[in-house]
Amino acid sequence: MSVKVKRRVHVAAAAIISADQQQVLIARRPSNVDHGGLWEFPGGKLAPYETGLEGLKRELHEELGIEIVCAQPLIRVHHEYPDKHILLDVWQVHEFAGEPFGREGQAVRWVPMSELSNYPFPAANLPILRAVRLPTEYLITGEEADEARFDAFLERALREDKIRLVQLRAKQLDEAAYLARAQRALSLCREHGARLLLNGEPTLLDRIDADGIHLTSERLMQLERRPIAENKWLSASTHNQTQLTQAAVLGCDFVSLSPLRTTPSHPEVSPLGWHDFQQLVERAGMPVFALGGMTRFDANHARAVGAQGIASIRDFWK
C-alpha cells in the first residue's frame, strides 16, 4: 500500500515591530484562499532558489511596499495540515524603509502587542503570537538570603538591564517567605512593566496574582494537562526531546532548554552544544530560551540557531 507524501511548503513571514516596540503589523488573508478572512503575519511562499530572508524581502516589497533594513530570526514553526506540511520561517523586522500599505488590496493594521489575542489567526500562527510577545532576555533570580539585597538586585536588573521577564526561583525559602518575596517582586515587576513567573506549584497563583508559573522538569513530567488558565504564562525547564514533547502536550507557552554549556553549578552534566540545541529547537514548536553558561554576548548566536533568546542567572543577577 503506497503512502501519500504530503506537499511541503516553506513560507517566510515577518513580525514587523513599530519604532516604540509596542505594536506589530498584521494583515488579513483574502476571502478566496485557505483560512480566508483570518489575520496573519505578512509574508509568503519561498521560490525554490530563495533563502528565508531573501524570500521575505521580496514578499514584503510586493505585499507592503517596504524594504527590510534590519531583521533577525524569531522562530521556525512546523505545522501539519491534512494535505501539507508547512514550515513557517519567521523573522522579526526591527527597521524598514517606506510606509507599509496593502499593495494587493489586503487589509493591514498596526495592533498593540497586548491585543493580538483579539484577532483570529490560523492555528500554525500560535507559536508566533507567543514569540512576538516575549522579550529576548529571561532573568532567573539568584538564591539570595537577604531580602533587602534581593530587592536591590532585582530592581537593578529591571531598571538598568531593562529585564522584562523574570522567574522567581528561591528553593531555600519556606512557603510563607516565598510568598512574601513574590509579592514584593511582583510589585517591582509591575512598576517596570515586566512579567513575573513563580517557580513552584501552580496553586501559587491562587495566592499571588503573578503572570504565570514555571515548572521544573520533574513537575513537568508528572502532569497530564495544562495546570493553569490560558490567560497566564506557562513555562518549563527542559533538557531533552522527551521533556520538550511533554511541554507541547501541556500547552506550555515557552521553555528553557539547558545546559547549552557546562556550568559551575552542574559540572557533571554534559552540555548540549550549539548543534544539538539547534536540532531540538527546530522541532520544539514553541519559543525556547537558551540556558546554561549564557551571557548577553551569546544572544545573537542563540537567535540565529532558532532560540527566542537567552535565560541566565549570573549574567543578569549582580
Protein backbone atom coordinates (compact mmCIF):
# COMPACT_ATOMS: atom_id res chain seq x y z
CA MET A 1 0.00 0.00 0.00
CA SER A 2 1.53 3.33 -1.03
CA VAL A 3 1.83 6.14 1.46
CA LYS A 4 0.83 9.56 0.23
CA VAL A 5 3.63 12.07 0.78
CA LYS A 6 2.43 15.44 1.96
CA ARG A 7 3.29 18.54 0.00
CA ARG A 8 5.93 20.60 1.82
CA VAL A 9 5.52 24.36 1.77
CA HIS A 10 8.22 26.75 3.01
CA VAL A 11 6.81 30.15 3.99
CA ALA A 12 8.69 33.24 5.17
CA ALA A 13 6.77 35.59 7.48
CA ALA A 14 7.56 38.83 9.27
CA ALA A 15 6.72 40.18 12.69
CA ILE A 16 7.16 43.86 11.82
CA ILE A 17 7.64 45.85 15.02
CA SER A 18 6.83 49.54 15.43
CA ALA A 19 9.53 52.04 16.41
CA ASP A 20 8.25 52.17 20.00
CA GLN A 21 8.30 48.35 20.23
CA GLN A 22 4.65 48.33 21.29
CA GLN A 23 2.84 47.37 18.09
CA VAL A 24 3.10 44.74 15.36
CA LEU A 25 1.77 44.82 11.79
CA ILE A 26 -0.71 42.14 10.74
CA ALA A 27 -2.59 41.53 7.50
CA ARG A 28 -5.93 39.90 6.70
CA ARG A 29 -5.95 36.94 4.34
CA PRO A 30 -8.14 37.30 1.21
CA SER A 31 -11.50 35.54 1.43
CA ASN A 32 -10.78 33.32 -1.60
CA VAL A 33 -7.72 31.49 -0.14
CA ASP A 34 -7.20 28.92 2.63
CA HIS A 35 -8.05 30.43 6.04
CA GLY A 36 -9.60 33.38 4.25
CA GLY A 37 -10.61 36.25 6.49
CA LEU A 38 -8.17 35.29 9.24
CA TRP A 39 -5.25 37.53 10.19
CA GLU A 40 -1.61 36.63 9.66
CA PHE A 41 1.93 37.95 9.74
CA PRO A 42 2.86 39.26 6.28
CA GLY A 43 4.93 37.05 4.02
CA GLY A 44 4.56 34.25 1.53
CA LYS A 45 5.93 31.12 -0.11
CA LEU A 46 9.60 30.93 -1.00
CA ALA A 47 10.74 30.36 -4.55
CA PRO A 48 12.96 27.25 -4.93
CA TYR A 49 16.15 29.32 -5.14
CA GLU A 50 15.46 31.64 -2.18
CA THR A 51 16.61 31.66 1.44
CA GLY A 52 14.10 32.69 4.08
CA LEU A 53 15.39 36.25 4.31
CA GLU A 54 15.64 36.67 0.53
CA GLY A 55 12.07 35.47 0.07
CA LEU A 56 10.85 37.70 2.88
CA LYS A 57 12.47 40.79 1.36
CA ARG A 58 10.73 40.09 -1.94
CA GLU A 59 7.37 39.34 -0.34
CA LEU A 60 7.33 42.47 1.85
CA HIS A 61 8.17 44.64 -1.13
CA GLU A 62 5.41 43.03 -3.20
CA GLU A 63 2.78 42.97 -0.44
CA LEU A 64 3.54 46.09 1.60
CA GLY A 65 5.87 48.28 -0.43
CA ILE A 66 8.62 48.33 2.21
CA GLU A 67 12.30 47.39 2.23
CA ILE A 68 13.85 45.49 5.15
CA VAL A 69 16.71 47.37 6.83
CA CYS A 70 17.27 45.18 9.91
CA ALA A 71 15.81 41.75 10.71
CA GLN A 72 16.60 38.80 13.00
CA PRO A 73 15.29 35.22 13.11
CA LEU A 74 12.36 34.90 15.51
CA ILE A 75 11.03 31.32 15.33
CA ARG A 76 10.61 28.41 12.90
CA VAL A 77 7.31 26.57 13.15
CA HIS A 78 6.50 23.19 11.58
CA HIS A 79 2.76 22.60 11.27
CA GLU A 80 0.88 19.62 9.85
CA TYR A 81 -2.29 20.14 7.84
CA PRO A 82 -4.23 17.19 6.36
CA ASP A 83 -2.82 17.82 2.90
CA LYS A 84 0.50 19.57 3.51
CA HIS A 85 3.41 20.26 5.84
CA ILE A 86 4.07 23.96 6.46
CA LEU A 87 7.38 25.42 7.63
CA LEU A 88 6.92 28.99 8.80
CA ASP A 89 10.29 30.74 8.79
CA VAL A 90 9.55 33.82 10.88
CA TRP A 91 11.73 36.92 11.15
CA GLN A 92 11.42 39.93 13.41
CA VAL A 93 11.80 43.13 11.41
CA HIS A 94 13.10 45.98 13.55
CA GLU A 95 13.80 48.56 10.85
CA PHE A 96 12.33 49.09 7.41
CA ALA A 97 12.15 51.79 4.77
CA GLY A 98 8.81 53.01 3.45
CA GLU A 99 5.28 53.15 4.81
CA PRO A 100 3.51 49.76 4.73
CA PHE A 101 0.17 49.50 2.96
CA GLY A 102 -1.80 46.71 1.30
CA ARG A 103 -0.41 46.77 -2.23
CA GLU A 104 -2.55 43.76 -3.17
CA GLY A 105 -5.73 45.23 -1.71
CA GLN A 106 -5.44 43.36 1.60
CA ALA A 107 -6.28 44.99 4.93
CA VAL A 108 -3.23 45.73 7.11
CA ARG A 109 -3.28 47.01 10.66
CA TRP A 110 -0.88 48.05 13.43
CA VAL A 111 -2.02 46.21 16.57
CA PRO A 112 -0.81 46.64 20.19
CA MET A 113 1.02 43.50 21.38
CA SER A 114 -1.46 43.17 24.24
CA GLU A 115 -4.41 43.00 21.81
CA LEU A 116 -3.13 40.30 19.42
CA SER A 117 -5.27 37.68 21.13
CA ASN A 118 -8.38 39.56 19.95
CA TYR A 119 -7.65 38.68 16.31
CA PRO A 120 -8.29 35.24 14.78
CA PHE A 121 -5.15 33.64 13.27
CA PRO A 122 -4.56 30.26 11.59
CA ALA A 123 -3.54 27.55 14.09
CA ALA A 124 0.05 27.48 12.79
CA ASN A 125 0.50 31.08 13.96
CA LEU A 126 0.01 30.36 17.69
CA PRO A 127 3.75 29.92 18.50
CA ILE A 128 4.48 33.14 16.59
CA LEU A 129 1.95 35.04 18.68
CA ARG A 130 3.75 33.84 21.79
CA ALA A 131 7.21 34.64 20.45
CA VAL A 132 6.24 38.17 19.39
CA ARG A 133 5.05 38.99 22.91
CA LEU A 134 8.14 37.63 24.66
CA PRO A 135 11.41 39.51 25.23
CA THR A 136 14.80 38.07 24.26
CA GLU A 137 16.23 38.08 27.80
CA TYR A 138 14.88 35.99 30.67
CA LEU A 139 16.12 36.51 34.23
CA ILE A 140 16.11 33.64 36.72
CA THR A 141 16.63 35.10 40.17
CA GLY A 142 19.58 34.03 42.31
CA GLU A 143 19.37 32.27 45.66
CA GLU A 144 19.73 35.41 47.78
CA ALA A 145 19.05 35.02 51.51
CA ASP A 146 18.96 38.69 52.47
CA GLU A 147 15.64 40.26 51.46
CA ALA A 148 16.92 43.83 51.08
CA ARG A 149 19.79 42.59 48.95
CA PHE A 150 17.38 40.51 46.83
CA ASP A 151 15.14 43.53 46.22
CA ALA A 152 18.14 45.68 45.26
CA PHE A 153 19.42 43.09 42.78
CA LEU A 154 16.01 42.69 41.15
CA GLU A 155 15.36 46.41 40.98
CA ARG A 156 18.75 46.99 39.33
CA ALA A 157 18.10 44.30 36.71
CA LEU A 158 14.70 45.79 35.90
CA ARG A 159 15.90 49.40 35.82
CA GLU A 160 19.39 49.18 34.29
CA ASP A 161 19.28 45.97 32.22
CA LYS A 162 15.64 46.54 31.15
CA ILE A 163 14.75 42.94 32.00
CA ARG A 164 11.08 42.31 31.21
CA LEU A 165 10.69 38.59 32.03
CA VAL A 166 11.55 37.23 35.48
CA GLN A 167 11.32 33.79 37.06
CA LEU A 168 11.28 33.86 40.88
CA ARG A 169 13.43 30.91 41.95
CA ALA A 170 14.02 30.60 45.70
CA LYS A 171 14.22 26.96 46.73
CA GLN A 172 15.75 27.75 50.12
CA LEU A 173 12.66 29.66 51.31
CA ASP A 174 9.67 28.16 53.08
CA GLU A 175 6.20 28.87 51.69
CA ALA A 176 5.48 31.95 53.78
CA ALA A 177 8.84 33.54 52.98
CA TYR A 178 8.47 32.71 49.28
CA LEU A 179 5.02 34.29 49.13
CA ALA A 180 6.28 37.43 50.86
CA ARG A 181 9.19 37.69 48.43
CA ALA A 182 6.89 37.00 45.49
CA GLN A 183 4.57 39.85 46.49
CA ARG A 184 7.46 42.32 46.66
CA ALA A 185 8.92 41.01 43.38
CA LEU A 186 5.54 41.37 41.69
CA SER A 187 5.27 44.99 42.80
CA LEU A 188 8.73 45.74 41.39
CA CYS A 189 7.94 43.97 38.12
CA ARG A 190 4.66 45.85 37.73
CA GLU A 191 6.47 49.13 38.34
CA HIS A 192 8.88 48.40 35.47
CA GLY A 193 6.45 46.74 33.05
CA ALA A 194 7.94 43.25 33.50
CA ARG A 195 6.25 39.85 33.77
CA LEU A 196 6.82 37.62 36.81
CA LEU A 197 6.61 33.81 36.79
CA LEU A 198 6.60 31.83 40.03
CA ASN A 199 8.75 28.70 40.23
CA GLY A 200 6.59 26.35 42.24
CA GLU A 201 3.22 24.65 42.46
CA PRO A 202 0.61 26.02 40.05
CA THR A 203 -1.68 26.71 43.04
CA LEU A 204 0.64 29.58 43.99
CA LEU A 205 -1.35 31.70 41.55
CA ASP A 206 -4.32 31.40 43.92
CA ARG A 207 -2.27 33.38 46.45
CA ILE A 208 -0.21 35.71 44.26
CA ASP A 209 -1.61 37.18 41.03
CA ALA A 210 1.64 36.79 39.11
CA ASP A 211 1.82 36.46 35.33
CA GLY A 212 2.38 32.71 35.28
CA ILE A 213 4.08 29.56 36.56
CA HIS A 214 7.40 27.95 35.75
CA LEU A 215 7.52 24.16 36.04
CA THR A 216 10.65 22.25 36.97
CA SER A 217 11.39 19.35 34.61
CA GLU A 218 10.29 16.93 37.35
CA ARG A 219 6.93 18.66 37.84
CA LEU A 220 6.52 18.94 34.07
CA MET A 221 6.75 15.17 33.63
CA GLN A 222 4.23 14.47 36.41
CA LEU A 223 1.37 16.48 34.90
CA GLU A 224 -1.21 15.23 32.41
CA ARG A 225 -2.76 18.54 31.36
CA ARG A 226 -2.15 22.26 31.48
CA PRO A 227 -2.41 23.22 35.18
CA ILE A 228 -3.21 26.93 34.84
CA ALA A 229 -5.55 29.16 32.84
CA GLU A 230 -4.80 30.08 29.24
CA ASN A 231 -4.50 33.77 30.13
CA LYS A 232 -1.45 33.04 32.31
CA TRP A 233 2.02 32.18 31.00
CA LEU A 234 3.23 28.60 31.49
CA SER A 235 6.93 27.82 31.10
CA ALA A 236 9.05 24.78 31.93
CA SER A 237 12.64 23.62 32.29
CA THR A 238 13.60 21.08 29.62
CA HIS A 239 16.78 19.16 28.87
CA ASN A 240 15.87 16.69 26.11
CA GLN A 241 13.34 15.76 23.41
CA THR A 242 11.08 13.84 25.80
CA GLN A 243 10.62 16.88 28.01
CA LEU A 244 10.09 19.19 25.03
CA THR A 245 7.36 16.85 23.78
CA GLN A 246 5.70 16.85 27.19
CA ALA A 247 5.84 20.67 27.28
CA ALA A 248 3.98 20.74 23.96
CA VAL A 249 1.38 18.28 25.29
CA LEU A 250 0.71 20.53 28.29
CA GLY A 251 0.47 23.63 26.11
CA CYS A 252 3.48 25.41 27.59
CA ASP A 253 3.87 28.90 26.16
CA PHE A 254 7.66 28.71 26.20
CA VAL A 255 10.52 26.71 27.74
CA SER A 256 14.14 26.96 28.71
CA LEU A 257 16.47 24.31 27.26
CA SER A 258 19.70 23.51 29.08
CA PRO A 259 22.55 23.17 29.64
CA LEU A 260 23.97 24.61 26.47
CA ARG A 261 27.39 24.86 28.10
CA THR A 262 28.98 23.32 31.17
CA THR A 263 28.11 25.39 34.23
CA PRO A 264 29.77 25.70 37.68
CA SER A 265 26.51 24.69 39.38
CA HIS A 266 26.21 21.42 37.37
CA PRO A 267 29.72 20.49 36.18
CA GLU A 268 28.79 16.82 35.94
CA VAL A 269 26.07 17.36 33.29
CA SER A 270 27.12 17.02 29.65
CA PRO A 271 26.29 20.21 27.71
CA LEU A 272 24.11 20.13 24.60
CA GLY A 273 26.34 22.37 22.50
CA TRP A 274 25.00 24.59 19.74
CA HIS A 275 24.43 21.80 17.19
CA ASP A 276 22.24 19.59 19.37
CA PHE A 277 20.49 22.65 20.80
CA GLN A 278 19.55 23.79 17.29
CA GLN A 279 18.25 20.34 16.36
CA LEU A 280 15.97 20.28 19.40
CA VAL A 281 14.74 23.85 18.92
CA GLU A 282 13.86 23.22 15.25
CA ARG A 283 11.00 20.90 16.20
CA ALA A 284 10.03 22.40 19.57
CA GLY A 285 7.00 24.24 18.20
CA MET A 286 7.26 26.97 20.87
CA PRO A 287 9.68 29.73 21.91
CA VAL A 288 12.83 28.31 23.54
CA PHE A 289 15.31 30.21 25.73
CA ALA A 290 18.92 29.01 25.73
CA LEU A 291 20.11 28.37 29.31
CA GLY A 292 23.41 27.24 30.80
CA GLY A 293 26.50 29.43 30.67
CA MET A 294 24.73 32.07 28.59
CA THR A 295 25.71 35.75 28.54
CA ARG A 296 24.45 38.70 26.54
CA PHE A 297 27.31 38.09 24.09
CA ASP A 298 25.53 34.84 23.12
CA ALA A 299 22.16 36.44 22.38
CA ASN A 300 22.59 36.91 18.63
CA HIS A 301 24.08 33.43 18.19
CA ALA A 302 21.20 31.91 20.14
CA ARG A 303 18.62 33.66 17.97
CA ALA A 304 20.47 32.66 14.81
CA VAL A 305 20.01 28.98 15.69
CA GLY A 306 16.33 29.40 16.49
CA ALA A 307 16.15 30.41 20.14
CA GLN A 308 13.85 33.12 21.45
CA GLY A 309 16.83 34.47 23.34
CA ILE A 310 18.88 33.68 26.43
CA ALA A 311 18.00 32.87 30.03
CA SER A 312 20.51 33.47 32.78
CA ILE A 313 21.06 33.88 36.48
CA ARG A 314 24.66 35.05 36.74
CA ASP A 315 24.74 37.43 33.79
CA PHE A 316 21.72 39.44 35.00
CA TRP A 317 21.86 38.90 38.77
CA LYS A 318 24.63 41.16 40.06
